Amino acid sequence: MDHRIVTYPAIFKPLENDVYVIHFPDIKGGITEGEGLREAMKMAADTLASRLYNKADLPKCSKVSEIELPDDGSFVAPVSADLTEASHDRMNYEI
């Protein structure tokens, strides 16, 4: 099985208590959060997959150097997701 892997930049905004809000500037509705950086990265990958797994035409990916960050401790990190696996998981879940 061929895998359809995508990578998009995400903005991670740290909040209190080690919580991060994650936003994908290129993905409509691409926002989530996680407690701790590890969970935040997992939640970001899940959100990316769920927003794109059934899309034939993917949104254009911004260059990291062109993303403007607020002065609040936010940072940009690449997030990858396997859309083939996400599609398979969702088909099995719907049955």
C-alpha atoms as a PDB file:
ATOM      1  CA  MET A   1       0.000   0.000   0.000  1.00  0.00           C
ATOM      2  CA  ASP A   2       1.327   3.427  -0.957  1.00  0.00           C
ATOM      3  CA  HIS A   3       1.202   6.020   1.770  1.00  0.00           C
ATOM      4  CA  ARG A   4       0.206   9.621   1.250  1.00  0.00           C
ATOM      5  CA  ILE A   5       2.310  11.600   3.725  1.00  0.00           C
ATOM      6  CA  VAL A   6       1.831  15.349   4.070  1.00  0.00           C
ATOM      7  CA  THR A   7       3.744  17.920   6.099  1.00  0.00           C
ATOM      8  CA  TYR A   8       2.483  21.404   6.947  1.00  0.00           C
ATOM      9  CA  PRO A   9       3.793  24.097   9.267  1.00  0.00           C
ATOM     10  CA  ALA A  10       1.888  24.587  12.512  1.00  0.00           C
ATOM     11  CA  ILE A  11       1.992  27.435  14.986  1.00  0.00           C
ATOM     12  CA  PHE A  12       2.300  26.285  18.591  1.00  0.00           C
ATOM     13  CA  LYS A  13       1.196  28.839  21.164  1.00  0.00           C
ATOM     14  CA  PRO A  14       2.137  28.001  24.756  1.00  0.00           C
ATOM     15  CA  LEU A  15      -0.436  28.711  27.459  1.00  0.00           C
ATOM     16  CA  GLU A  16      -0.429  28.153  31.207  1.00  0.00           C
ATOM     17  CA  ASN A  17       0.071  24.691  32.721  1.00  0.00           C
ATOM     18  CA  ASP A  18       2.121  23.380  29.767  1.00  0.00           C
ATOM     19  CA  VAL A  19      -0.857  23.561  27.375  1.00  0.00           C
ATOM     20  CA  TYR A  20      -0.330  24.413  23.708  1.00  0.00           C
ATOM     21  CA  VAL A  21      -2.863  25.681  21.189  1.00  0.00           C
ATOM     22  CA  ILE A  22      -1.903  24.568  17.685  1.00  0.00           C
ATOM     23  CA  HIS A  23      -3.051  26.282  14.506  1.00  0.00           C
ATOM     24  CA  PHE A  24      -2.355  25.357  10.884  1.00  0.00           C
ATOM     25  CA  PRO A  25      -2.359  28.609   8.877  1.00  0.00           C
ATOM     26  CA  ASP A  26      -2.933  26.720   5.605  1.00  0.00           C
ATOM     27  CA  ILE A  27      -5.720  24.406   6.799  1.00  0.00           C
ATOM     28  CA  LYS A  28      -9.280  25.651   7.244  1.00  0.00           C
ATOM     29  CA  GLY A  29     -10.476  24.539  10.670  1.00  0.00           C
ATOM     30  CA  GLY A  30      -7.000  23.278  11.527  1.00  0.00           C
ATOM     31  CA  ILE A  31      -6.832  24.078  15.226  1.00  0.00           C
ATOM     32  CA  THR A  32      -6.372  21.878  18.287  1.00  0.00           C
ATOM     33  CA  GLU A  33      -4.628  21.806  21.643  1.00  0.00           C
ATOM     34  CA  GLY A  34      -2.628  19.470  23.793  1.00  0.00           C
ATOM     35  CA  GLU A  35      -1.152  19.243  27.260  1.00  0.00           C
ATOM     36  CA  GLY A  36       2.614  19.053  26.982  1.00  0.00           C
ATOM     37  CA  LEU A  37       4.561  19.215  23.754  1.00  0.00           C
ATOM     38  CA  ARG A  38       4.361  15.470  23.046  1.00  0.00           C
ATOM     39  CA  GLU A  39       0.560  15.393  23.249  1.00  0.00           C
ATOM     40  CA  ALA A  40       0.356  18.683  21.323  1.00  0.00           C
ATOM     41  CA  MET A  41       2.361  17.183  18.444  1.00  0.00           C
ATOM     42  CA  LYS A  42       0.133  14.075  18.415  1.00  0.00           C
ATOM     43  CA  MET A  43      -3.035  16.164  18.465  1.00  0.00           C
ATOM     44  CA  ALA A  44      -1.646  18.344  15.671  1.00  0.00           C
ATOM     45  CA  ALA A  45      -0.915  15.295  13.487  1.00  0.00           C
ATOM     46  CA  ASP A  46      -4.403  13.899  14.174  1.00  0.00           C
ATOM     47  CA  THR A  47      -6.007  17.232  13.285  1.00  0.00           C
ATOM     48  CA  LEU A  48      -3.973  17.526  10.101  1.00  0.00           C
ATOM     49  CA  ALA A  49      -4.995  14.020   9.039  1.00  0.00           C
ATOM     50  CA  SER A  50      -8.667  14.527   9.868  1.00  0.00           C
ATOM     51  CA  ARG A  51      -8.855  17.793   7.911  1.00  0.00           C
ATOM     52  CA  LEU A  52      -7.115  16.456   4.780  1.00  0.00           C
ATOM     53  CA  TYR A  53      -7.598  12.679   4.492  1.00  0.00           C
ATOM     54  CA  ASN A  54     -10.483  12.929   2.006  1.00  0.00           C
ATOM     55  CA  LYS A  55      -9.205  15.887  -0.014  1.00  0.00           C
ATOM     56  CA  ALA A  56      -8.108  15.289  -3.597  1.00  0.00           C
ATOM     57  CA  ASP A  57      -6.577  18.768  -3.890  1.00  0.00           C
ATOM     58  CA  LEU A  58      -4.440  19.747  -0.931  1.00  0.00           C
ATOM     59  CA  PRO A  59      -4.020  23.372   0.170  1.00  0.00           C
ATOM     60  CA  LYS A  60      -0.802  25.134  -0.751  1.00  0.00           C
ATOM     61  CA  CYS A  61       1.801  24.852   1.973  1.00  0.00           C
ATOM     62  CA  SER A  62       3.267  28.097   3.343  1.00  0.00           C
ATOM     63  CA  LYS A  63       6.983  28.583   3.652  1.00  0.00           C
ATOM     64  CA  VAL A  64       7.994  28.571   7.309  1.00  0.00           C
ATOM     65  CA  SER A  65      10.064  31.724   6.757  1.00  0.00           C
ATOM     66  CA  GLU A  66       6.925  33.593   5.612  1.00  0.00           C
ATOM     67  CA  ILE A  67       4.778  32.796   8.648  1.00  0.00           C
ATOM     68  CA  GLU A  68       4.390  35.757  10.964  1.00  0.00           C
ATOM     69  CA  LEU A  69       4.400  34.899  14.645  1.00  0.00           C
ATOM     70  CA  PRO A  70       2.907  36.955  17.451  1.00  0.00           C
ATOM     71  CA  ASP A  71       5.277  38.004  20.222  1.00  0.00           C
ATOM     72  CA  ASP A  72       3.806  35.586  22.776  1.00  0.00           C
ATOM     73  CA  GLY A  73       6.256  32.687  22.780  1.00  0.00           C
ATOM     74  CA  SER A  74       4.662  30.994  19.774  1.00  0.00           C
ATOM     75  CA  PHE A  75       6.841  28.935  17.461  1.00  0.00           C
ATOM     76  CA  VAL A  76       6.471  27.133  14.141  1.00  0.00           C
ATOM     77  CA  ALA A  77       7.110  23.409  13.747  1.00  0.00           C
ATOM     78  CA  PRO A  78       6.491  21.046  10.834  1.00  0.00           C
ATOM     79  CA  VAL A  79       3.788  18.436  11.445  1.00  0.00           C
ATOM     80  CA  SER A  80       3.368  15.318   9.299  1.00  0.00           C
ATOM     81  CA  ALA A  81       0.429  12.972   8.871  1.00  0.00           C
ATOM     82  CA  ASP A  82      -0.247   9.801   6.897  1.00  0.00           C
ATOM     83  CA  LEU A  83      -3.484  10.465   4.997  1.00  0.00           C
ATOM     84  CA  THR A  84      -3.711   6.887   3.744  1.00  0.00           C
ATOM     85  CA  GLU A  85      -3.687   5.549   7.286  1.00  0.00           C
ATOM     86  CA  ALA A  86      -6.148   8.234   8.418  1.00  0.00           C
ATOM     87  CA  SER A  87      -8.550   7.309   5.630  1.00  0.00           C
ATOM     88  CA  HIS A  88      -8.271   3.621   6.500  1.00  0.00           C
ATOM     89  CA  ASP A  89      -8.813   4.326  10.213  1.00  0.00           C
ATOM     90  CA  ARG A  90     -11.902   6.406   9.505  1.00  0.00           C
ATOM     91  CA  MET A  91     -13.398   3.788   7.181  1.00  0.00           C
ATOM     92  CA  ASN A  92     -12.955   1.132   9.874  1.00  0.00           C
ATOM     93  CA  TYR A  93     -14.433   3.451  12.500  1.00  0.00           C
ATOM     94  CA  GLU A  94     -17.546   4.202  10.433  1.00  0.00           C
ATOM     95  CA  ILE A  95     -18.440   0.530   9.962  1.00  0.00           C
END
